[in-house]
């Protein structure tokens, strides 16, 4: 993972997580963008433009780089970092 994101729990405790995560396996590539409060934001904002990918609350999954619009993926990552930079 890349960057740092702090989760604050109701009991006052905190936990550090990566902000942007990458995972590659047999089924493809997953890009995790943590810290976005609205779980529909990624899908609504980037789902139609990114190409052949599955976009969920905090994850963008695709099989091959050629299947997606790299500029849209970059925009999603940059936007996620910007939205959570104060955490």
PDB file of N, CA and C in Angstrom:
ATOM      1  N   UNK A   1       0.812  -1.175   0.000  1.00  0.00           N
ATOM      2  CA  UNK A   1       0.000   0.000   0.000  1.00  0.00           C
ATOM      3  C   UNK A   1       0.865   1.252   0.000  1.00  0.00           C
ATOM      4  N   UNK A   2       0.243   2.351  -0.318  1.00  0.00           N
ATOM      5  CA  UNK A   2       0.922   3.636  -0.396  1.00  0.00           C
ATOM      6  C   UNK A   2       0.157   4.671   0.425  1.00  0.00           C
ATOM      7  N   UNK A   3       0.880   5.586   0.994  1.00  0.00           N
ATOM      8  CA  UNK A   3       0.258   6.642   1.779  1.00  0.00           C
ATOM      9  C   UNK A   3      -0.208   6.134   3.123  1.00  0.00           C
ATOM     10  N   UNK A   4      -0.815   7.001   3.870  1.00  0.00           N
ATOM     11  CA  UNK A   4      -1.265   6.665   5.210  1.00  0.00           C
ATOM     12  C   UNK A   4      -2.645   7.257   5.434  1.00  0.00           C
ATOM     13  N   UNK A   5      -3.516   6.452   5.997  1.00  0.00           N
ATOM     14  CA  UNK A   5      -4.867   6.878   6.296  1.00  0.00           C
ATOM     15  C   UNK A   5      -5.196   6.419   7.705  1.00  0.00           C
ATOM     16  N   UNK A   6      -5.677   7.311   8.550  1.00  0.00           N
ATOM     17  CA  UNK A   6      -5.997   6.986   9.929  1.00  0.00           C
ATOM     18  C   UNK A   6      -7.507   6.850  10.091  1.00  0.00           C
ATOM     19  N   UNK A   7      -7.922   5.691  10.580  1.00  0.00           N
ATOM     20  CA  UNK A   7      -9.335   5.474  10.879  1.00  0.00           C
ATOM     21  C   UNK A   7      -9.558   5.824  12.337  1.00  0.00           C
ATOM     22  N   UNK A   8     -10.570   6.627  12.606  1.00  0.00           N
ATOM     23  CA  UNK A   8     -10.904   7.029  13.966  1.00  0.00           C
ATOM     24  C   UNK A   8     -12.199   6.327  14.375  1.00  0.00           C
ATOM     25  N   UNK A   9     -12.129   5.539  15.420  1.00  0.00           N
ATOM     26  CA  UNK A   9     -13.285   4.799  15.905  1.00  0.00           C
ATOM     27  C   UNK A   9     -14.059   5.610  16.941  1.00  0.00           C
ATOM     28  N   UNK A  10     -15.305   5.228  17.167  1.00  0.00           N
ATOM     29  CA  UNK A  10     -16.175   5.947  18.109  1.00  0.00           C
ATOM     30  C   UNK A  10     -15.615   5.952  19.524  1.00  0.00           C
ATOM     31  N   UNK A  11     -14.855   4.908  19.883  1.00  0.00           N
ATOM     32  CA  UNK A  11     -14.307   4.835  21.239  1.00  0.00           C
ATOM     33  C   UNK A  11     -13.023   5.651  21.412  1.00  0.00           C
ATOM     34  N   UNK A  12     -12.652   6.393  20.360  1.00  0.00           N
ATOM     35  CA  UNK A  12     -11.479   7.254  20.452  1.00  0.00           C
ATOM     36  C   UNK A  12     -10.193   6.613  19.940  1.00  0.00           C
ATOM     37  N   UNK A  13     -10.195   5.311  19.723  1.00  0.00           N
ATOM     38  CA  UNK A  13      -8.999   4.625  19.229  1.00  0.00           C
ATOM     39  C   UNK A  13      -8.819   4.926  17.750  1.00  0.00           C
ATOM     40  N   UNK A  14      -7.578   4.817  17.291  1.00  0.00           N
ATOM     41  CA  UNK A  14      -7.270   5.027  15.881  1.00  0.00           C
ATOM     42  C   UNK A  14      -6.466   3.846  15.354  1.00  0.00           C
ATOM     43  N   UNK A  15      -6.486   3.693  14.055  1.00  0.00           N
ATOM     44  CA  UNK A  15      -5.719   2.628  13.414  1.00  0.00           C
ATOM     45  C   UNK A  15      -5.215   3.146  12.073  1.00  0.00           C
ATOM     46  N   UNK A  16      -3.963   2.879  11.778  1.00  0.00           N
ATOM     47  CA  UNK A  16      -3.346   3.322  10.523  1.00  0.00           C
ATOM     48  C   UNK A  16      -3.553   2.265   9.432  1.00  0.00           C
ATOM     49  N   UNK A  17      -3.927   2.728   8.251  1.00  0.00           N
ATOM     50  CA  UNK A  17      -4.054   1.884   7.076  1.00  0.00           C
ATOM     51  C   UNK A  17      -3.340   2.563   5.921  1.00  0.00           C
ATOM     52  N   UNK A  18      -3.080   1.800   4.864  1.00  0.00           N
ATOM     53  CA  UNK A  18      -2.580   2.418   3.642  1.00  0.00           C
ATOM     54  C   UNK A  18      -3.733   3.168   2.996  1.00  0.00           C
ATOM     55  N   UNK A  19      -3.417   4.174   2.225  1.00  0.00           N
ATOM     56  CA  UNK A  19      -4.447   4.958   1.561  1.00  0.00           C
ATOM     57  C   UNK A  19      -4.771   4.395   0.180  1.00  0.00           C
ATOM     58  N   UNK A  20      -3.735   4.011  -0.557  1.00  0.00           N
ATOM     59  CA  UNK A  20      -3.900   3.414  -1.877  1.00  0.00           C
ATOM     60  C   UNK A  20      -3.226   2.053  -1.856  1.00  0.00           C
ATOM     61  N   UNK A  21      -3.963   1.019  -2.232  1.00  0.00           N
ATOM     62  CA  UNK A  21      -3.404  -0.327  -2.239  1.00  0.00           C
ATOM     63  C   UNK A  21      -3.491  -0.940  -3.620  1.00  0.00           C
ATOM     64  N   UNK A  22      -2.526  -1.782  -3.945  1.00  0.00           N
ATOM     65  CA  UNK A  22      -2.506  -2.503  -5.210  1.00  0.00           C
ATOM     66  C   UNK A  22      -2.374  -3.985  -4.934  1.00  0.00           C
ATOM     67  N   UNK A  23      -3.121  -4.787  -5.672  1.00  0.00           N
ATOM     68  CA  UNK A  23      -3.047  -6.230  -5.519  1.00  0.00           C
ATOM     69  C   UNK A  23      -3.187  -6.857  -6.898  1.00  0.00           C
ATOM     70  N   UNK A  24      -2.267  -7.728  -7.229  1.00  0.00           N
ATOM     71  CA  UNK A  24      -2.337  -8.450  -8.499  1.00  0.00           C
ATOM     72  C   UNK A  24      -2.368  -9.944  -8.208  1.00  0.00           C
ATOM     73  N   UNK A  25      -3.256 -10.651  -8.898  1.00  0.00           N
ATOM     74  CA  UNK A  25      -3.331 -12.105  -8.752  1.00  0.00           C
ATOM     75  C   UNK A  25      -3.807 -12.718 -10.066  1.00  0.00           C
ATOM     76  N   UNK A  26      -4.172 -13.992 -10.052  1.00  0.00           N
ATOM     77  CA  UNK A  26      -4.581 -14.686 -11.274  1.00  0.00           C
ATOM     78  C   UNK A  26      -5.794 -14.048 -11.939  1.00  0.00           C
ATOM     79  N   UNK A  27      -6.673 -13.461 -11.156  1.00  0.00           N
ATOM     80  CA  UNK A  27      -7.907 -12.921 -11.714  1.00  0.00           C
ATOM     81  C   UNK A  27      -7.783 -11.478 -12.188  1.00  0.00           C
ATOM     82  N   UNK A  28      -6.685 -10.832 -11.913  1.00  0.00           N
ATOM     83  CA  UNK A  28      -6.506  -9.465 -12.392  1.00  0.00           C
ATOM     84  C   UNK A  28      -5.828  -8.567 -11.394  1.00  0.00           C
ATOM     85  N   UNK A  29      -6.129  -7.286 -11.489  1.00  0.00           N
ATOM     86  CA  UNK A  29      -5.505  -6.248 -10.670  1.00  0.00           C
ATOM     87  C   UNK A  29      -6.593  -5.519  -9.895  1.00  0.00           C
ATOM     88  N   UNK A  30      -6.331  -5.271  -8.627  1.00  0.00           N
ATOM     89  CA  UNK A  30      -7.253  -4.504  -7.791  1.00  0.00           C
ATOM     90  C   UNK A  30      -6.524  -3.272  -7.283  1.00  0.00           C
ATOM     91  N   UNK A  31      -7.179  -2.130  -7.378  1.00  0.00           N
ATOM     92  CA  UNK A  31      -6.666  -0.881  -6.823  1.00  0.00           C
ATOM     93  C   UNK A  31      -7.648  -0.452  -5.739  1.00  0.00           C
ATOM     94  N   UNK A  32      -7.149  -0.344  -4.516  1.00  0.00           N
ATOM     95  CA  UNK A  32      -7.980   0.033  -3.372  1.00  0.00           C
ATOM     96  C   UNK A  32      -7.730   1.499  -3.042  1.00  0.00           C
ATOM     97  N   UNK A  33      -8.800   2.251  -2.889  1.00  0.00           N
ATOM     98  CA  UNK A  33      -8.714   3.662  -2.526  1.00  0.00           C
ATOM     99  C   UNK A  33      -9.501   3.817  -1.227  1.00  0.00           C
ATOM    100  N   UNK A  34      -8.789   3.830  -0.115  1.00  0.00           N
ATOM    101  CA  UNK A  34      -9.432   3.835   1.190  1.00  0.00           C
ATOM    102  C   UNK A  34      -9.683   5.247   1.699  1.00  0.00           C
ATOM    103  N   UNK A  35     -10.718   5.366   2.509  1.00  0.00           N
ATOM    104  CA  UNK A  35     -10.991   6.618   3.195  1.00  0.00           C
ATOM    105  C   UNK A  35     -12.094   7.463   2.600  1.00  0.00           C
ATOM    106  N   UNK A  36     -12.672   7.042   1.488  1.00  0.00           N
ATOM    107  CA  UNK A  36     -13.775   7.799   0.903  1.00  0.00           C
ATOM    108  C   UNK A  36     -15.043   7.428   1.671  1.00  0.00           C
ATOM    109  N   UNK A  37     -15.691   8.419   2.253  1.00  0.00           N
ATOM    110  CA  UNK A  37     -16.862   8.163   3.093  1.00  0.00           C
ATOM    111  C   UNK A  37     -18.060   7.645   2.310  1.00  0.00           C
ATOM    112  N   UNK A  38     -18.310   8.198   1.147  1.00  0.00           N
ATOM    113  CA  UNK A  38     -19.463   7.810   0.338  1.00  0.00           C
ATOM    114  C   UNK A  38     -19.099   6.573  -0.488  1.00  0.00           C
ATOM    115  N   UNK A  39     -19.665   5.429  -0.136  1.00  0.00           N
ATOM    116  CA  UNK A  39     -19.308   4.163  -0.788  1.00  0.00           C
ATOM    117  C   UNK A  39     -19.836   4.051  -2.214  1.00  0.00           C
ATOM    118  N   UNK A  40     -20.638   4.997  -2.661  1.00  0.00           N
ATOM    119  CA  UNK A  40     -21.115   4.977  -4.047  1.00  0.00           C
ATOM    120  C   UNK A  40     -20.316   5.929  -4.935  1.00  0.00           C
ATOM    121  N   UNK A  41     -19.449   6.725  -4.338  1.00  0.00           N
ATOM    122  CA  UNK A  41     -18.737   7.782  -5.058  1.00  0.00           C
ATOM    123  C   UNK A  41     -17.898   7.260  -6.230  1.00  0.00           C
ATOM    124  N   UNK A  42     -17.052   6.265  -5.993  1.00  0.00           N
ATOM    125  CA  UNK A  42     -16.178   5.769  -7.063  1.00  0.00           C
ATOM    126  C   UNK A  42     -16.986   5.249  -8.244  1.00  0.00           C
ATOM    127  N   UNK A  43     -17.982   4.426  -7.967  1.00  0.00           N
ATOM    128  CA  UNK A  43     -18.785   3.846  -9.045  1.00  0.00           C
ATOM    129  C   UNK A  43     -19.549   4.925  -9.810  1.00  0.00           C
ATOM    130  N   UNK A  44     -20.132   5.860  -9.101  1.00  0.00           N
ATOM    131  CA  UNK A  44     -20.912   6.917  -9.762  1.00  0.00           C
ATOM    132  C   UNK A  44     -20.036   7.871 -10.558  1.00  0.00           C
ATOM    133  N   UNK A  45     -18.856   8.160 -10.032  1.00  0.00           N
ATOM    134  CA  UNK A  45     -17.993   9.160 -10.663  1.00  0.00           C
ATOM    135  C   UNK A  45     -17.135   8.588 -11.784  1.00  0.00           C
ATOM    136  N   UNK A  46     -16.631   7.359 -11.615  1.00  0.00           N
ATOM    137  CA  UNK A  46     -15.670   6.804 -12.571  1.00  0.00           C
ATOM    138  C   UNK A  46     -16.119   5.517 -13.251  1.00  0.00           C
ATOM    139  N   UNK A  47     -17.178   4.900 -12.783  1.00  0.00           N
ATOM    140  CA  UNK A  47     -17.610   3.588 -13.283  1.00  0.00           C
ATOM    141  C   UNK A  47     -17.882   3.528 -14.772  1.00  0.00           C
ATOM    142  N   UNK A  48     -18.547   4.515 -15.312  1.00  0.00           N
ATOM    143  CA  UNK A  48     -18.912   4.491 -16.735  1.00  0.00           C
ATOM    144  C   UNK A  48     -17.739   4.821 -17.652  1.00  0.00           C
ATOM    145  N   UNK A  49     -16.796   5.610 -17.169  1.00  0.00           N
ATOM    146  CA  UNK A  49     -15.703   6.084 -18.028  1.00  0.00           C
ATOM    147  C   UNK A  49     -14.448   5.220 -17.969  1.00  0.00           C
ATOM    148  N   UNK A  50     -14.299   4.409 -16.928  1.00  0.00           N
ATOM    149  CA  UNK A  50     -13.027   3.720 -16.716  1.00  0.00           C
ATOM    150  C   UNK A  50     -12.803   2.574 -17.696  1.00  0.00           C
ATOM    151  N   UNK A  51     -13.857   2.022 -18.246  1.00  0.00           N
ATOM    152  CA  UNK A  51     -13.697   0.921 -19.189  1.00  0.00           C
ATOM    153  C   UNK A  51     -14.161  -0.383 -18.573  1.00  0.00           C
ATOM    154  N   UNK A  52     -13.514  -1.458 -18.971  1.00  0.00           N
ATOM    155  CA  UNK A  52     -13.915  -2.803 -18.555  1.00  0.00           C
ATOM    156  C   UNK A  52     -13.350  -3.105 -17.164  1.00  0.00           C
ATOM    157  N   UNK A  53     -14.072  -2.618 -16.146  1.00  0.00           N
ATOM    158  CA  UNK A  53     -13.622  -2.773 -14.751  1.00  0.00           C
ATOM    159  C   UNK A  53     -14.839  -2.878 -13.849  1.00  0.00           C
ATOM    160  N   UNK A  54     -14.632  -3.467 -12.702  1.00  0.00           N
ATOM    161  CA  UNK A  54     -15.642  -3.512 -11.649  1.00  0.00           C
ATOM    162  C   UNK A  54     -15.279  -2.435 -10.635  1.00  0.00           C
ATOM    163  N   UNK A  55     -16.208  -1.539 -10.366  1.00  0.00           N
ATOM    164  CA  UNK A  55     -15.939  -0.443  -9.439  1.00  0.00           C
ATOM    165  C   UNK A  55     -16.919  -0.554  -8.284  1.00  0.00           C
ATOM    166  N   UNK A  56     -16.374  -0.730  -7.068  1.00  0.00           N
ATOM    167  CA  UNK A  56     -17.203  -0.849  -5.869  1.00  0.00           C
ATOM    168  C   UNK A  56     -16.890   0.309  -4.927  1.00  0.00           C
ATOM    169  N   UNK A  57     -17.306   0.198  -3.696  1.00  0.00           N
ATOM    170  CA  UNK A  57     -17.160   1.274  -2.722  1.00  0.00           C
ATOM    171  C   UNK A  57     -15.760   1.825  -2.572  1.00  0.00           C
ATOM    172  N   UNK A  58     -14.759   0.967  -2.585  1.00  0.00           N
ATOM    173  CA  UNK A  58     -13.380   1.425  -2.408  1.00  0.00           C
ATOM    174  C   UNK A  58     -12.391   0.687  -3.310  1.00  0.00           C
ATOM    175  N   UNK A  59     -12.892  -0.064  -4.285  1.00  0.00           N
ATOM    176  CA  UNK A  59     -12.012  -0.903  -5.096  1.00  0.00           C
ATOM    177  C   UNK A  59     -12.351  -0.800  -6.584  1.00  0.00           C
ATOM    178  N   UNK A  60     -11.299  -0.765  -7.399  1.00  0.00           N
ATOM    179  CA  UNK A  60     -11.431  -0.826  -8.852  1.00  0.00           C
ATOM    180  C   UNK A  60     -10.679  -2.080  -9.304  1.00  0.00           C
ATOM    181  N   UNK A  61     -11.409  -3.038  -9.905  1.00  0.00           N
ATOM    182  CA  UNK A  61     -10.811  -4.301 -10.346  1.00  0.00           C
ATOM    183  C   UNK A  61     -10.894  -4.418 -11.862  1.00  0.00           C
ATOM    184  N   UNK A  62      -9.798  -4.898 -12.464  1.00  0.00           N
ATOM    185  CA  UNK A  62      -9.771  -5.100 -13.908  1.00  0.00           C
ATOM    186  C   UNK A  62      -8.789  -6.209 -14.222  1.00  0.00           C
ATOM    187  N   UNK A  63      -8.920  -6.782 -15.413  1.00  0.00           N
ATOM    188  CA  UNK A  63      -8.060  -7.905 -15.798  1.00  0.00           C
ATOM    189  C   UNK A  63      -6.736  -7.461 -16.409  1.00  0.00           C
ATOM    190  N   UNK A  64      -6.792  -6.459 -17.270  1.00  0.00           N
ATOM    191  CA  UNK A  64      -5.595  -6.007 -17.979  1.00  0.00           C
ATOM    192  C   UNK A  64      -5.613  -4.486 -18.076  1.00  0.00           C
ATOM    193  N   UNK A  65      -4.449  -3.890 -18.062  1.00  0.00           N
ATOM    194  CA  UNK A  65      -4.366  -2.437 -18.213  1.00  0.00           C
ATOM    195  C   UNK A  65      -4.982  -1.964 -19.523  1.00  0.00           C
ATOM    196  N   UNK A  66      -4.874  -2.794 -20.548  1.00  0.00           N
ATOM    197  CA  UNK A  66      -5.432  -2.405 -21.854  1.00  0.00           C
ATOM    198  C   UNK A  66      -6.956  -2.298 -21.820  1.00  0.00           C
ATOM    199  N   UNK A  67      -7.591  -2.877 -20.795  1.00  0.00           N
ATOM    200  CA  UNK A  67      -9.054  -2.871 -20.681  1.00  0.00           C
ATOM    201  C   UNK A  67      -9.619  -1.577 -20.101  1.00  0.00           C
ATOM    202  N   UNK A  68      -8.751  -0.748 -19.529  1.00  0.00           N
ATOM    203  CA  UNK A  68      -9.252   0.446 -18.842  1.00  0.00           C
ATOM    204  C   UNK A  68      -8.616   1.718 -19.389  1.00  0.00           C
ATOM    205  N   UNK A  69      -9.228   2.825 -19.053  1.00  0.00           N
ATOM    206  CA  UNK A  69      -8.685   4.137 -19.379  1.00  0.00           C
ATOM    207  C   UNK A  69      -7.760   4.533 -18.217  1.00  0.00           C
ATOM    208  N   UNK A  70      -6.476   4.508 -18.457  1.00  0.00           N
ATOM    209  CA  UNK A  70      -5.472   4.800 -17.424  1.00  0.00           C
ATOM    210  C   UNK A  70      -5.655   6.208 -16.863  1.00  0.00           C
ATOM    211  N   UNK A  71      -6.041   7.161 -17.696  1.00  0.00           N
ATOM    212  CA  UNK A  71      -6.232   8.530 -17.222  1.00  0.00           C
ATOM    213  C   UNK A  71      -7.366   8.609 -16.201  1.00  0.00           C
ATOM    214  N   UNK A  72      -8.416   7.825 -16.393  1.00  0.00           N
ATOM    215  CA  UNK A  72      -9.525   7.813 -15.447  1.00  0.00           C
ATOM    216  C   UNK A  72      -9.092   7.141 -14.144  1.00  0.00           C
ATOM    217  N   UNK A  73      -8.322   6.058 -14.236  1.00  0.00           N
ATOM    218  CA  UNK A  73      -7.798   5.413 -13.027  1.00  0.00           C
ATOM    219  C   UNK A  73      -6.927   6.386 -12.243  1.00  0.00           C
ATOM    220  N   UNK A  74      -6.055   7.089 -12.934  1.00  0.00           N
ATOM    221  CA  UNK A  74      -5.201   8.079 -12.278  1.00  0.00           C
ATOM    222  C   UNK A  74      -6.041   9.167 -11.605  1.00  0.00           C
ATOM    223  N   UNK A  75      -7.079   9.627 -12.289  1.00  0.00           N
ATOM    224  CA  UNK A  75      -7.946  10.661 -11.718  1.00  0.00           C
ATOM    225  C   UNK A  75      -8.638  10.155 -10.457  1.00  0.00           C
ATOM    226  N   UNK A  76      -9.098   8.903 -10.473  1.00  0.00           N
ATOM    227  CA  UNK A  76      -9.755   8.322  -9.299  1.00  0.00           C
ATOM    228  C   UNK A  76      -8.794   8.243  -8.117  1.00  0.00           C
ATOM    229  N   UNK A  77      -7.570   7.821  -8.367  1.00  0.00           N
ATOM    230  CA  UNK A  77      -6.564   7.721  -7.304  1.00  0.00           C
ATOM    231  C   UNK A  77      -6.232   9.106  -6.752  1.00  0.00           C
ATOM    232  N   UNK A  78      -5.957  10.046  -7.632  1.00  0.00           N
ATOM    233  CA  UNK A  78      -5.630  11.408  -7.187  1.00  0.00           C
ATOM    234  C   UNK A  78      -6.785  12.037  -6.404  1.00  0.00           C
ATOM    235  N   UNK A  79      -7.991  11.815  -6.875  1.00  0.00           N
ATOM    236  CA  UNK A  79      -9.159  12.361  -6.202  1.00  0.00           C
ATOM    237  C   UNK A  79      -9.332  11.725  -4.826  1.00  0.00           C
ATOM    238  N   UNK A  80      -9.126  10.420  -4.729  1.00  0.00           N
ATOM    239  CA  UNK A  80      -9.229   9.743  -3.440  1.00  0.00           C
ATOM    240  C   UNK A  80      -8.204  10.250  -2.445  1.00  0.00           C
ATOM    241  N   UNK A  81      -6.993  10.480  -2.900  1.00  0.00           N
ATOM    242  CA  UNK A  81      -5.936  11.014  -2.038  1.00  0.00           C
ATOM    243  C   UNK A  81      -6.310  12.428  -1.596  1.00  0.00           C
ATOM    244  N   UNK A  82      -6.785  13.233  -2.529  1.00  0.00           N
ATOM    245  CA  UNK A  82      -7.163  14.618  -2.197  1.00  0.00           C
ATOM    246  C   UNK A  82      -8.299  14.654  -1.167  1.00  0.00           C
ATOM    247  N   UNK A  83      -9.284  13.768  -1.336  1.00  0.00           N
ATOM    248  CA  UNK A  83     -10.434  13.750  -0.433  1.00  0.00           C
ATOM    249  C   UNK A  83     -10.057  13.361   1.002  1.00  0.00           C
ATOM    250  N   UNK A  84      -8.996  12.608   1.150  1.00  0.00           N
ATOM    251  CA  UNK A  84      -8.642  12.082   2.464  1.00  0.00           C
ATOM    252  C   UNK A  84      -7.330  12.617   3.002  1.00  0.00           C
ATOM    253  N   UNK A  85      -6.780  13.646   2.369  1.00  0.00           N
ATOM    254  CA  UNK A  85      -5.456  14.123   2.770  1.00  0.00           C
ATOM    255  C   UNK A  85      -5.408  14.693   4.181  1.00  0.00           C
ATOM    256  N   UNK A  86      -6.523  15.127   4.732  1.00  0.00           N
ATOM    257  CA  UNK A  86      -6.527  15.679   6.078  1.00  0.00           C
ATOM    258  C   UNK A  86      -6.597  14.612   7.165  1.00  0.00           C
ATOM    259  N   UNK A  87      -6.749  13.364   6.762  1.00  0.00           N
ATOM    260  CA  UNK A  87      -6.793  12.268   7.746  1.00  0.00           C
ATOM    261  C   UNK A  87      -5.403  11.830   8.029  1.00  0.00           C
TER     262      UNK A  87
END
